[in-house]
Amino acid sequence: MSAPDGRSASAVTNVVFAGLGGQGVIKASDILADAALRAGLDVKKAEVHGMSQRGGSVTSDVRFGRKVLSPMVPQREADFLVVLAPSEVEVTRPLLRPDGVLLAPDLVPEADLPNKRSLNVALLGALSGYLDIPAETLLDAVRAALPERLHHVNEQAFALGQKLAARQGTIR
């Protein structure tokens, strides 16, 4: 894995997902964790639900690499911050390292989504351009996490996220 700052493959990659309850923050982090496991990496995951059942703030940390010792991403150490709710961008920005990558919800216009509930998967598609985990491995994890009837719409959302991130020149 290479972090945005070019750290070695033995480094741990830190990803923080943030949003509001019901947006799929936990589902997106579960999918990434599963994909990293499928890629043969050590993975640790932690969640903070807050008042998530009532639409409150939710964060989920995913850390992966050759060897990961702790599930929590330290303050200012997130390589990637994936935010699903505009209100959570500034709240969670202090988690991002100075040279980290913010994937905000405005990257994917809601009108372009095949289903408005698939923003989490679209942002995973955008994130995929930064990771050394093959996109197909991430898509396999998406398929494993969702019922078959939702596969097509989420595959479309994933591809949309990839395309929009590439168009903005935000991926390496």
C-alpha atoms as a PDB file:
ATOM      1  CA  MET A   1       0.000   0.000   0.000  1.00  0.00           C
ATOM      2  CA  SER A   2       1.234   3.461  -0.807  1.00  0.00           C
ATOM      3  CA  ALA A   3      -0.093   6.382   1.142  1.00  0.00           C
ATOM      4  CA  PRO A   4      -0.548   9.809  -0.486  1.00  0.00           C
ATOM      5  CA  ASP A   5       2.811  10.872   0.932  1.00  0.00           C
ATOM      6  CA  GLY A   6       4.585   7.944  -0.763  1.00  0.00           C
ATOM      7  CA  ARG A   7       5.212   5.888   2.375  1.00  0.00           C
ATOM      8  CA  SER A   8       6.356   2.313   1.862  1.00  0.00           C
ATOM      9  CA  ALA A   9       4.200  -0.750   1.322  1.00  0.00           C
ATOM     10  CA  SER A  10       4.764  -1.774   4.948  1.00  0.00           C
ATOM     11  CA  ALA A  11       3.032   1.375   6.191  1.00  0.00           C
ATOM     12  CA  VAL A  12      -0.492   1.256   7.545  1.00  0.00           C
ATOM     13  CA  THR A  13      -3.182   2.972   5.479  1.00  0.00           C
ATOM     14  CA  ASN A  14      -5.692   4.920   7.585  1.00  0.00           C
ATOM     15  CA  VAL A  15      -9.185   5.613   6.279  1.00  0.00           C
ATOM     16  CA  VAL A  16     -11.917   7.403   8.229  1.00  0.00           C
ATOM     17  CA  PHE A  17     -15.522   7.314   7.035  1.00  0.00           C
ATOM     18  CA  ALA A  18     -17.901   9.927   8.444  1.00  0.00           C
ATOM     19  CA  GLY A  19     -21.523  10.858   8.012  1.00  0.00           C
ATOM     20  CA  LEU A  20     -24.913  10.611   9.653  1.00  0.00           C
ATOM     21  CA  GLY A  21     -26.826   7.579  10.861  1.00  0.00           C
ATOM     22  CA  GLY A  22     -28.536   5.762   8.012  1.00  0.00           C
ATOM     23  CA  GLN A  23     -26.158   6.960   5.269  1.00  0.00           C
ATOM     24  CA  GLY A  24     -24.169   3.740   5.073  1.00  0.00           C
ATOM     25  CA  VAL A  25     -21.004   4.859   6.864  1.00  0.00           C
ATOM     26  CA  ILE A  26     -20.640   1.534   8.671  1.00  0.00           C
ATOM     27  CA  LYS A  27     -21.530  -0.428   5.520  1.00  0.00           C
ATOM     28  CA  ALA A  28     -18.850   1.415   3.510  1.00  0.00           C
ATOM     29  CA  SER A  29     -16.224   0.742   6.171  1.00  0.00           C
ATOM     30  CA  ASP A  30     -17.276  -2.928   6.345  1.00  0.00           C
ATOM     31  CA  ILE A  31     -16.854  -3.190   2.568  1.00  0.00           C
ATOM     32  CA  LEU A  32     -13.388  -1.611   2.634  1.00  0.00           C
ATOM     33  CA  ALA A  33     -12.302  -3.831   5.532  1.00  0.00           C
ATOM     34  CA  ASP A  34     -13.542  -6.926   3.677  1.00  0.00           C
ATOM     35  CA  ALA A  35     -11.724  -5.867   0.489  1.00  0.00           C
ATOM     36  CA  ALA A  36      -8.462  -5.335   2.401  1.00  0.00           C
ATOM     37  CA  LEU A  37      -8.839  -8.804   3.961  1.00  0.00           C
ATOM     38  CA  ARG A  38      -9.500 -10.270   0.501  1.00  0.00           C
ATOM     39  CA  ALA A  39      -6.271  -8.583  -0.636  1.00  0.00           C
ATOM     40  CA  GLY A  40      -4.355 -10.420   2.097  1.00  0.00           C
ATOM     41  CA  LEU A  41      -3.807  -7.468   4.413  1.00  0.00           C
ATOM     42  CA  ASP A  42      -4.095  -7.188   8.176  1.00  0.00           C
ATOM     43  CA  VAL A  43      -7.164  -5.074   8.995  1.00  0.00           C
ATOM     44  CA  LYS A  44      -8.472  -3.362  12.119  1.00  0.00           C
ATOM     45  CA  LYS A  45     -11.751  -1.448  12.324  1.00  0.00           C
ATOM     46  CA  ALA A  46     -13.455   0.741  14.927  1.00  0.00           C
ATOM     47  CA  GLU A  47     -16.741   2.656  14.968  1.00  0.00           C
ATOM     48  CA  VAL A  48     -18.259   5.528  16.885  1.00  0.00           C
ATOM     49  CA  HIS A  49     -22.034   5.497  16.530  1.00  0.00           C
ATOM     50  CA  GLY A  50     -23.006   8.483  18.679  1.00  0.00           C
ATOM     51  CA  MET A  51     -26.692   9.219  18.154  1.00  0.00           C
ATOM     52  CA  SER A  52     -26.595   7.412  14.827  1.00  0.00           C
ATOM     53  CA  GLN A  53     -30.006   5.815  15.261  1.00  0.00           C
ATOM     54  CA  ARG A  54     -31.482   9.317  15.161  1.00  0.00           C
ATOM     55  CA  GLY A  55     -29.417  10.636  12.288  1.00  0.00           C
ATOM     56  CA  GLY A  56     -26.505  11.725  14.463  1.00  0.00           C
ATOM     57  CA  SER A  57     -22.800  11.630  13.670  1.00  0.00           C
ATOM     58  CA  VAL A  58     -21.158   8.337  12.804  1.00  0.00           C
ATOM     59  CA  THR A  59     -17.477   7.664  12.148  1.00  0.00           C
ATOM     60  CA  SER A  60     -15.736   4.431  11.317  1.00  0.00           C
ATOM     61  CA  ASP A  61     -11.985   3.895  11.144  1.00  0.00           C
ATOM     62  CA  VAL A  62     -10.406   1.283   8.887  1.00  0.00           C
ATOM     63  CA  ARG A  63      -6.683   0.598   9.129  1.00  0.00           C
ATOM     64  CA  PHE A  64      -4.897  -1.899   6.924  1.00  0.00           C
ATOM     65  CA  GLY A  65      -1.383  -2.933   5.975  1.00  0.00           C
ATOM     66  CA  ARG A  66       1.082  -5.729   6.569  1.00  0.00           C
ATOM     67  CA  LYS A  67       0.659  -5.453  10.364  1.00  0.00           C
ATOM     68  CA  VAL A  68      -1.839  -3.219  12.159  1.00  0.00           C
ATOM     69  CA  LEU A  69      -1.677  -2.880  15.935  1.00  0.00           C
ATOM     70  CA  SER A  70      -4.596  -0.588  16.781  1.00  0.00           C
ATOM     71  CA  PRO A  71      -8.060  -0.090  15.264  1.00  0.00           C
ATOM     72  CA  MET A  72      -8.294   3.658  15.926  1.00  0.00           C
ATOM     73  CA  VAL A  73      -6.873   6.240  13.525  1.00  0.00           C
ATOM     74  CA  PRO A  74      -4.959   8.813  15.591  1.00  0.00           C
ATOM     75  CA  GLN A  75      -5.925  12.496  15.290  1.00  0.00           C
ATOM     76  CA  ARG A  76      -4.372  14.054  12.137  1.00  0.00           C
ATOM     77  CA  GLU A  77      -3.263  10.630  10.834  1.00  0.00           C
ATOM     78  CA  ALA A  78      -6.045   9.721   8.378  1.00  0.00           C
ATOM     79  CA  ASP A  79      -4.628   9.224   4.904  1.00  0.00           C
ATOM     80  CA  PHE A  80      -8.173   9.386   3.542  1.00  0.00           C
ATOM     81  CA  LEU A  81     -11.303  11.013   4.929  1.00  0.00           C
ATOM     82  CA  VAL A  82     -14.486   9.847   3.182  1.00  0.00           C
ATOM     83  CA  VAL A  83     -17.441  12.013   4.221  1.00  0.00           C
ATOM     84  CA  LEU A  84     -21.059  11.276   3.317  1.00  0.00           C
ATOM     85  CA  ALA A  85     -22.762  14.329   4.866  1.00  0.00           C
ATOM     86  CA  PRO A  86     -21.803  17.952   4.121  1.00  0.00           C
ATOM     87  CA  SER A  87     -22.328  18.853   7.783  1.00  0.00           C
ATOM     88  CA  GLU A  88     -19.604  16.409   8.816  1.00  0.00           C
ATOM     89  CA  VAL A  89     -16.795  17.690   6.571  1.00  0.00           C
ATOM     90  CA  GLU A  90     -15.484  20.410   8.893  1.00  0.00           C
ATOM     91  CA  VAL A  91     -16.293  18.391  12.025  1.00  0.00           C
ATOM     92  CA  THR A  92     -14.038  15.535  10.913  1.00  0.00           C
ATOM     93  CA  ARG A  93     -11.382  17.444   8.938  1.00  0.00           C
ATOM     94  CA  PRO A  94      -9.016  17.512  11.973  1.00  0.00           C
ATOM     95  CA  LEU A  95      -8.669  13.729  11.602  1.00  0.00           C
ATOM     96  CA  LEU A  96      -6.991  14.149   8.191  1.00  0.00           C
ATOM     97  CA  ARG A  97      -3.215  14.298   7.951  1.00  0.00           C
ATOM     98  CA  PRO A  98      -1.850  17.494   6.337  1.00  0.00           C
ATOM     99  CA  ASP A  99      -1.210  15.737   3.005  1.00  0.00           C
ATOM    100  CA  GLY A 100      -4.253  13.448   3.248  1.00  0.00           C
ATOM    101  CA  VAL A 101      -7.113  13.190   0.779  1.00  0.00           C
ATOM    102  CA  LEU A 102     -10.640  14.393   1.512  1.00  0.00           C
ATOM    103  CA  LEU A 103     -13.420  12.735  -0.487  1.00  0.00           C
ATOM    104  CA  ALA A 104     -16.419  14.922   0.264  1.00  0.00           C
ATOM    105  CA  PRO A 105     -20.053  14.275  -0.667  1.00  0.00           C
ATOM    106  CA  ASP A 106     -20.057  17.083  -3.236  1.00  0.00           C
ATOM    107  CA  LEU A 107     -17.724  14.986  -5.401  1.00  0.00           C
ATOM    108  CA  VAL A 108     -20.780  12.978  -6.503  1.00  0.00           C
ATOM    109  CA  PRO A 109     -23.892  15.030  -7.392  1.00  0.00           C
ATOM    110  CA  GLU A 110     -26.979  13.326  -5.966  1.00  0.00           C
ATOM    111  CA  ALA A 111     -28.768  13.706  -9.322  1.00  0.00           C
ATOM    112  CA  ASP A 112     -26.066  11.561 -10.991  1.00  0.00           C
ATOM    113  CA  LEU A 113     -26.421   8.667  -8.551  1.00  0.00           C
ATOM    114  CA  PRO A 114     -28.353   5.651  -9.822  1.00  0.00           C
ATOM    115  CA  ASN A 115     -29.921   5.528  -6.332  1.00  0.00           C
ATOM    116  CA  LYS A 116     -29.589   8.312  -3.752  1.00  0.00           C
ATOM    117  CA  ARG A 117     -28.698   5.725  -1.109  1.00  0.00           C
ATOM    118  CA  SER A 118     -25.605   4.613  -3.041  1.00  0.00           C
ATOM    119  CA  LEU A 119     -23.402   7.633  -2.257  1.00  0.00           C
ATOM    120  CA  ASN A 120     -21.320   5.479   0.091  1.00  0.00           C
ATOM    121  CA  VAL A 121     -20.472   3.046  -2.714  1.00  0.00           C
ATOM    122  CA  ALA A 122     -19.832   5.898  -5.172  1.00  0.00           C
ATOM    123  CA  LEU A 123     -17.297   7.378  -2.741  1.00  0.00           C
ATOM    124  CA  LEU A 124     -15.719   3.920  -2.365  1.00  0.00           C
ATOM    125  CA  GLY A 125     -15.336   3.973  -6.143  1.00  0.00           C
ATOM    126  CA  ALA A 126     -13.587   7.338  -5.880  1.00  0.00           C
ATOM    127  CA  LEU A 127     -11.370   6.015  -3.063  1.00  0.00           C
ATOM    128  CA  SER A 128     -10.440   2.951  -5.130  1.00  0.00           C
ATOM    129  CA  GLY A 129      -8.259   5.089  -7.392  1.00  0.00           C
ATOM    130  CA  TYR A 130      -5.922   5.792  -4.482  1.00  0.00           C
ATOM    131  CA  LEU A 131      -5.583   2.279  -3.111  1.00  0.00           C
ATOM    132  CA  ASP A 132      -3.430  -0.628  -4.185  1.00  0.00           C
ATOM    133  CA  ILE A 133      -6.424  -2.891  -3.600  1.00  0.00           C
ATOM    134  CA  PRO A 134      -7.763  -3.877  -7.027  1.00  0.00           C
ATOM    135  CA  ALA A 135     -11.101  -2.261  -7.906  1.00  0.00           C
ATOM    136  CA  GLU A 136     -12.511  -5.703  -8.701  1.00  0.00           C
ATOM    137  CA  THR A 137     -11.665  -6.821  -5.155  1.00  0.00           C
ATOM    138  CA  LEU A 138     -13.574  -3.827  -3.806  1.00  0.00           C
ATOM    139  CA  LEU A 139     -16.503  -4.645  -6.089  1.00  0.00           C
ATOM    140  CA  ASP A 140     -16.448  -8.263  -4.877  1.00  0.00           C
ATOM    141  CA  ALA A 141     -16.711  -6.920  -1.322  1.00  0.00           C
ATOM    142  CA  VAL A 142     -19.616  -4.652  -2.366  1.00  0.00           C
ATOM    143  CA  ARG A 143     -21.429  -7.635  -3.869  1.00  0.00           C
ATOM    144  CA  ALA A 144     -20.784  -9.744  -0.755  1.00  0.00           C
ATOM    145  CA  ALA A 145     -22.174  -7.017   1.525  1.00  0.00           C
ATOM    146  CA  LEU A 146     -25.394  -6.305  -0.358  1.00  0.00           C
ATOM    147  CA  PRO A 147     -28.359  -8.330  -1.590  1.00  0.00           C
ATOM    148  CA  GLU A 148     -28.162  -9.400  -5.236  1.00  0.00           C
ATOM    149  CA  ARG A 149     -31.033  -7.070  -6.206  1.00  0.00           C
ATOM    150  CA  LEU A 150     -28.779  -4.099  -5.295  1.00  0.00           C
ATOM    151  CA  HIS A 151     -25.643  -5.243  -7.122  1.00  0.00           C
ATOM    152  CA  HIS A 152     -26.289  -3.511 -10.459  1.00  0.00           C
ATOM    153  CA  VAL A 153     -27.159  -0.096  -9.017  1.00  0.00           C
ATOM    154  CA  ASN A 154     -24.143  -0.199  -6.696  1.00  0.00           C
ATOM    155  CA  GLU A 155     -21.799  -1.295  -9.467  1.00  0.00           C
ATOM    156  CA  GLN A 156     -23.038   1.771 -11.395  1.00  0.00           C
ATOM    157  CA  ALA A 157     -22.454   3.998  -8.344  1.00  0.00           C
ATOM    158  CA  PHE A 158     -18.929   2.595  -7.887  1.00  0.00           C
ATOM    159  CA  ALA A 159     -18.092   3.266 -11.557  1.00  0.00           C
ATOM    160  CA  LEU A 160     -19.528   6.788 -11.276  1.00  0.00           C
ATOM    161  CA  GLY A 161     -17.281   7.523  -8.285  1.00  0.00           C
ATOM    162  CA  GLN A 162     -14.245   6.236 -10.166  1.00  0.00           C
ATOM    163  CA  LYS A 163     -15.090   8.372 -13.198  1.00  0.00           C
ATOM    164  CA  LEU A 164     -15.768  11.567 -11.227  1.00  0.00           C
ATOM    165  CA  ALA A 165     -12.580  11.250  -9.166  1.00  0.00           C
ATOM    166  CA  ALA A 166     -10.524  10.645 -12.311  1.00  0.00           C
ATOM    167  CA  ARG A 167     -12.197  13.583 -14.095  1.00  0.00           C
ATOM    168  CA  GLN A 168     -11.331  15.929 -11.239  1.00  0.00           C
ATOM    169  CA  GLY A 169      -7.742  14.747 -11.381  1.00  0.00           C
ATOM    170  CA  THR A 170      -7.852  13.777  -7.726  1.00  0.00           C
ATOM    171  CA  ILE A 171      -6.396  10.302  -8.206  1.00  0.00           C
ATOM    172  CA  ARG A 172      -2.786   9.446  -8.861  1.00  0.00           C
END
